[in-house]
């Protein structure tokens, strides 16, 4: 097998794979000194170019076995395909007129939606992405149908650079009466000033934290307000100072028992 080359005589077999926005195509061209024959097929858009090239190589081998015994040359334009074919432990699926023709045929197979399609296993990369998307969609649906922790609006597998103070604030799972009362760590969910002791209340309207207040939005704009705070560096620094004060003076935020 050769990677390209200037071989212009004898039996030559060209293979190629191609992917466009409409699909994936694979093709084999058999070129002799007198004529040219070819085969091409279409793959699912979920398959990769590498899979198409390996499939073309497989089809070419099938063609070569059926030919009369003679010397032939297989020409590829992909170094990875050559290495994969030479490596039995590989886990991957399966004048240059011949090369130009194979390239044309692969693009034609990829572009034509009514072209016969060869079923092929999906690559691991696609399966991983699909499973991640399904998992996130399931978690997001369960979250949207819930009634707690509404400060978190979207699940993501992307790492987010948040400090522990920011996590406590945006989840509401911090030194706030409304959260502590759920675990019997506070007698009431009310702040000493009379409002519900949430992170939002303490950061915007509590009489005990006026030095750390941020301008409160209207009720219907709270989700947008939280996202704005999360993307604003001065607001995030204020959260750090505010949470530090809250943890140091926890007793101030609990109503005195009767």
Protein backbone atom coordinates (compact mmCIF):
# COMPACT_ATOMS: atom_id res chain seq x y z
CA UNK A 1 0.00 0.00 0.00
CA UNK A 2 1.28 3.41 -0.92
CA UNK A 3 0.37 6.88 0.28
CA UNK A 4 -0.15 8.50 -3.11
CA UNK A 5 2.80 8.13 -5.43
CA UNK A 6 3.54 8.35 -9.15
CA UNK A 7 2.43 4.84 -10.17
CA UNK A 8 0.82 5.10 -13.60
CA UNK A 9 0.76 1.51 -14.90
CA UNK A 10 -0.69 -1.81 -13.86
CA UNK A 11 -3.68 -2.46 -11.66
CA UNK A 12 -4.22 0.42 -9.26
CA UNK A 13 -6.92 0.67 -6.58
CA UNK A 14 -7.77 4.07 -5.11
CA UNK A 15 -9.82 4.58 -1.94
CA UNK A 16 -11.18 7.69 -0.31
CA UNK A 17 -13.65 8.96 2.29
CA UNK A 18 -15.35 12.32 2.59
CA UNK A 19 -17.78 14.12 4.89
CA UNK A 20 -19.99 17.13 4.13
CA UNK A 21 -22.86 18.83 5.91
CA UNK A 22 -25.27 16.38 4.25
CA UNK A 23 -23.54 13.06 4.87
CA UNK A 24 -20.49 10.80 4.70
CA UNK A 25 -19.30 8.98 1.59
CA UNK A 26 -16.79 6.22 0.78
CA UNK A 27 -15.55 5.12 -2.65
CA UNK A 28 -13.22 2.64 -4.39
CA UNK A 29 -11.83 3.09 -7.91
CA UNK A 30 -10.09 0.29 -9.80
CA UNK A 31 -7.91 1.61 -12.59
CA UNK A 32 -6.17 -0.46 -15.25
CA UNK A 33 -4.29 0.55 -18.36
CA UNK A 34 -7.52 0.35 -20.39
CA UNK A 35 -10.52 1.12 -18.14
CA UNK A 36 -11.78 2.24 -14.73
CA UNK A 37 -14.48 0.75 -12.49
CA UNK A 38 -15.77 2.03 -9.19
CA UNK A 39 -18.01 1.45 -6.18
CA UNK A 40 -19.30 4.03 -3.74
CA UNK A 41 -21.59 4.11 -0.73
CA UNK A 42 -23.11 6.54 1.72
CA UNK A 43 -22.79 6.43 5.54
CA UNK A 44 -24.74 8.06 8.32
CA UNK A 45 -23.91 11.67 9.08
CA UNK A 46 -22.96 10.44 12.56
CA UNK A 47 -20.06 8.41 11.14
CA UNK A 48 -16.59 9.91 10.73
CA UNK A 49 -14.36 10.45 7.70
CA UNK A 50 -11.90 7.95 9.16
CA UNK A 51 -14.62 5.28 9.29
CA UNK A 52 -15.48 6.04 5.65
CA UNK A 53 -11.86 5.63 4.60
CA UNK A 54 -11.50 2.34 6.50
CA UNK A 55 -14.77 1.08 4.95
CA UNK A 56 -13.46 2.00 1.48
CA UNK A 57 -10.26 0.09 2.24
CA UNK A 58 -12.33 -2.95 3.32
CA UNK A 59 -14.41 -2.84 0.13
CA UNK A 60 -11.22 -2.52 -1.87
CA UNK A 61 -9.83 -5.68 -0.22
CA UNK A 62 -13.01 -7.54 -1.13
CA UNK A 63 -12.61 -6.39 -4.72
CA UNK A 64 -8.95 -7.39 -4.81
CA UNK A 65 -9.67 -10.94 -3.59
CA UNK A 66 -12.12 -11.46 -6.45
CA UNK A 67 -9.63 -10.33 -9.10
CA UNK A 68 -7.30 -12.69 -10.98
CA UNK A 69 -3.97 -13.12 -9.23
CA UNK A 70 -1.69 -10.31 -10.34
CA UNK A 71 0.37 -7.53 -8.91
CA UNK A 72 -1.70 -4.56 -7.79
CA UNK A 73 -1.12 -1.28 -6.00
CA UNK A 74 -3.44 0.20 -3.38
CA UNK A 75 -3.21 3.97 -3.16
CA UNK A 76 -4.50 5.87 -0.15
CA UNK A 77 -4.44 9.56 0.69
CA UNK A 78 -4.70 9.09 4.45
CA UNK A 79 -1.72 8.08 6.56
CA UNK A 80 -3.95 7.07 9.49
CA UNK A 81 -5.76 4.50 7.30
CA UNK A 82 -2.44 2.91 6.32
CA UNK A 83 -1.31 2.66 9.94
CA UNK A 84 -4.66 1.28 11.08
CA UNK A 85 -4.67 -1.39 8.35
CA UNK A 86 -1.13 -2.40 9.30
CA UNK A 87 -1.94 -2.61 13.02
CA UNK A 88 -4.01 -5.70 13.97
CA UNK A 89 -4.57 -4.26 17.47
CA UNK A 90 -6.19 -1.08 16.16
CA UNK A 91 -9.64 -0.50 17.65
CA UNK A 92 -10.85 1.86 14.91
CA UNK A 93 -13.85 0.71 12.83
CA UNK A 94 -13.49 -0.11 9.97
CA UNK A 95 -1.41 11.81 -13.76
CA UNK A 96 -3.83 10.81 -10.84
CA UNK A 97 -7.17 10.09 -12.53
CA UNK A 98 -8.08 7.39 -10.01
CA UNK A 99 -7.54 9.61 -7.01
CA UNK A 100 -9.60 12.43 -8.52
CA UNK A 101 -12.40 10.02 -9.46
CA UNK A 102 -12.54 8.44 -6.00
CA UNK A 103 -12.65 11.90 -4.44
CA UNK A 104 -15.52 12.91 -6.74
CA UNK A 105 -17.47 9.75 -5.97
CA UNK A 106 -17.16 10.11 -2.20
CA UNK A 107 -18.51 13.66 -2.32
CA UNK A 108 -21.34 12.58 -4.60
CA UNK A 109 -22.33 9.75 -2.22
CA UNK A 110 -22.17 12.11 0.76
CA UNK A 111 -24.30 14.80 -0.92
CA UNK A 112 -27.07 12.63 -2.41
CA UNK A 113 -29.66 11.79 0.23
CA UNK A 114 -31.24 8.98 -1.85
CA UNK A 115 -27.89 7.22 -2.30
CA UNK A 116 -27.76 3.60 -0.93
CA UNK A 117 -26.48 3.73 2.65
CA UNK A 118 -24.21 1.23 4.36
CA UNK A 119 -25.06 0.71 8.05
CA UNK A 120 -21.99 1.08 10.25
CA UNK A 121 -21.42 1.28 13.98
CA UNK A 122 -21.32 4.80 15.35
CA UNK A 123 -17.90 5.97 16.58
CA UNK A 124 -17.20 6.08 20.32
CA UNK A 125 -16.86 9.86 20.18
CA UNK A 126 -20.44 10.22 18.93
CA UNK A 127 -21.79 7.76 21.53
CA UNK A 128 -20.05 9.67 24.34
CA UNK A 129 -21.50 12.97 23.15
CA UNK A 130 -24.97 11.43 22.76
CA UNK A 131 -24.91 9.93 26.26
CA UNK A 132 -23.71 13.21 27.76
CA UNK A 133 -26.51 15.11 26.03
CA UNK A 134 -29.12 12.58 27.18
CA UNK A 135 -27.83 12.71 30.75
CA UNK A 136 -27.86 16.50 30.83
CA UNK A 137 -31.35 16.64 29.31
CA UNK A 138 -32.68 14.16 31.90
CA UNK A 139 -31.08 16.08 34.79
CA UNK A 140 -32.34 19.40 33.45
CA UNK A 141 -35.89 18.06 33.08
CA UNK A 142 -35.88 16.68 36.62
CA UNK A 143 -34.52 19.99 37.89
CA UNK A 144 -37.07 22.07 35.98
CA UNK A 145 -39.89 19.95 37.44
CA UNK A 146 -38.59 20.42 40.99
CA UNK A 147 -39.46 23.18 43.42
CA UNK A 148 -36.21 23.78 45.33
CA UNK A 149 -32.85 25.34 44.54
CA UNK A 150 -34.23 27.58 41.82
CA UNK A 151 -31.07 29.69 41.74
CA UNK A 152 -29.44 27.07 39.53
CA UNK A 153 -30.93 27.22 36.05
CA UNK A 154 -28.89 25.01 33.76
CA UNK A 155 -26.80 21.86 34.03
CA UNK A 156 -23.46 21.71 32.25
CA UNK A 157 -20.40 19.45 32.09
CA UNK A 158 -18.16 22.46 31.52
CA UNK A 159 -16.00 23.40 34.51
CA UNK A 160 -17.00 26.69 36.15
CA UNK A 161 -14.52 28.76 38.12
CA UNK A 162 -16.51 29.43 41.31
CA UNK A 163 -15.28 29.85 44.88
CA UNK A 164 -16.92 28.11 47.82
CA UNK A 165 -18.55 31.42 48.86
CA UNK A 166 -20.14 31.79 45.43
CA UNK A 167 -21.45 28.23 45.53
CA UNK A 168 -23.00 28.87 48.96
CA UNK A 169 -24.62 32.07 47.72
CA UNK A 170 -25.99 30.92 44.35
CA UNK A 171 -27.30 27.59 45.64
CA UNK A 172 -28.64 29.10 48.88
CA UNK A 173 -27.02 26.20 50.73
CA UNK A 174 -25.11 28.35 53.19
CA UNK A 175 -25.47 30.06 56.59
CA UNK A 176 -28.95 31.32 55.81
CA UNK A 177 -31.90 30.75 58.19
CA UNK A 178 -34.12 29.45 55.35
CA UNK A 179 -31.59 26.71 54.63
CA UNK A 180 -30.52 25.93 58.20
CA UNK A 181 -34.13 25.55 59.35
CA UNK A 182 -34.64 22.67 56.90
CA UNK A 183 -32.12 20.64 58.90
CA UNK A 184 -33.31 21.83 62.33
CA UNK A 185 -30.17 23.94 62.70
CA UNK A 186 -32.31 27.04 63.15
CA UNK A 187 -35.69 27.44 64.88
CA UNK A 188 -37.15 29.48 62.03
CA UNK A 189 -36.49 30.36 58.43
CA UNK A 190 -36.94 34.08 59.19
CA UNK A 191 -34.14 36.58 59.46
CA UNK A 192 -33.95 38.75 62.59
CA UNK A 193 -35.25 41.68 60.55
CA UNK A 194 -38.47 39.80 59.81
CA UNK A 195 -37.94 38.64 56.19
CA UNK A 196 -37.33 35.12 54.92
CA UNK A 197 -33.62 34.53 55.48
CA UNK A 198 -32.49 33.57 51.99
CA UNK A 199 -29.23 34.51 50.29
CA UNK A 200 -31.14 36.95 48.08
CA UNK A 201 -32.83 38.61 51.09
CA UNK A 202 -29.56 39.03 52.96
CA UNK A 203 -27.75 40.39 49.89
CA UNK A 204 -30.40 42.96 48.95
CA UNK A 205 -32.87 44.04 51.65
CA UNK A 206 -31.89 42.73 55.09
CA UNK A 207 -31.46 45.55 57.64
CA UNK A 208 -28.45 43.73 59.08
CA UNK A 209 -26.39 43.74 55.87
CA UNK A 210 -26.93 47.23 54.46
CA UNK A 211 -23.18 47.72 53.95
CA UNK A 212 -23.13 44.78 51.54
CA UNK A 213 -26.35 45.35 49.64
CA UNK A 214 -26.68 45.00 45.89
CA UNK A 215 -29.55 46.71 44.07
CA UNK A 216 -32.56 44.32 44.14
CA UNK A 217 -34.47 43.56 40.93
CA UNK A 218 -38.19 43.07 40.53
CA UNK A 219 -39.47 39.62 41.45
CA UNK A 220 -39.83 38.47 37.85
CA UNK A 221 -36.26 39.52 37.04
CA UNK A 222 -34.51 37.53 39.79
CA UNK A 223 -33.12 34.80 37.45
CA UNK A 224 -31.57 37.47 35.21
CA UNK A 225 -30.23 39.29 38.30
CA UNK A 226 -28.44 36.16 39.55
CA UNK A 227 -26.83 35.58 36.16
CA UNK A 228 -25.74 39.22 36.05
CA UNK A 229 -24.19 38.96 39.51
CA UNK A 230 -22.38 35.75 38.55
CA UNK A 231 -20.82 37.49 35.53
CA UNK A 232 -19.81 40.67 37.38
CA UNK A 233 -16.44 40.63 39.15
CA UNK A 234 -17.18 43.44 41.67
CA UNK A 235 -20.46 41.74 42.64
CA UNK A 236 -18.67 38.44 43.15
CA UNK A 237 -16.08 40.12 45.39
CA UNK A 238 -18.92 41.65 47.39
CA UNK A 239 -20.38 38.15 47.83
CA UNK A 240 -17.09 36.98 49.35
CA UNK A 241 -17.07 39.84 51.88
CA UNK A 242 -20.78 39.42 52.61
CA UNK A 243 -20.53 35.64 53.22
CA UNK A 244 -17.46 36.09 55.39
CA UNK A 245 -19.38 38.58 57.55
CA UNK A 246 -22.42 36.29 57.66
CA UNK A 247 -20.38 33.30 58.86
CA UNK A 248 -18.62 35.42 61.48
CA UNK A 249 -21.84 36.95 62.85
CA UNK A 250 -24.29 34.06 62.39
CA UNK A 251 -26.11 34.69 65.66
CA UNK A 252 -27.22 38.15 64.48
CA UNK A 253 -29.38 36.65 61.77
CA UNK A 254 -31.47 34.37 63.96
CA UNK A 255 -34.47 35.72 65.92
CA UNK A 256 -34.03 35.49 69.67
CA UNK A 257 -36.20 32.73 71.21
CA UNK A 258 -39.26 33.89 73.10
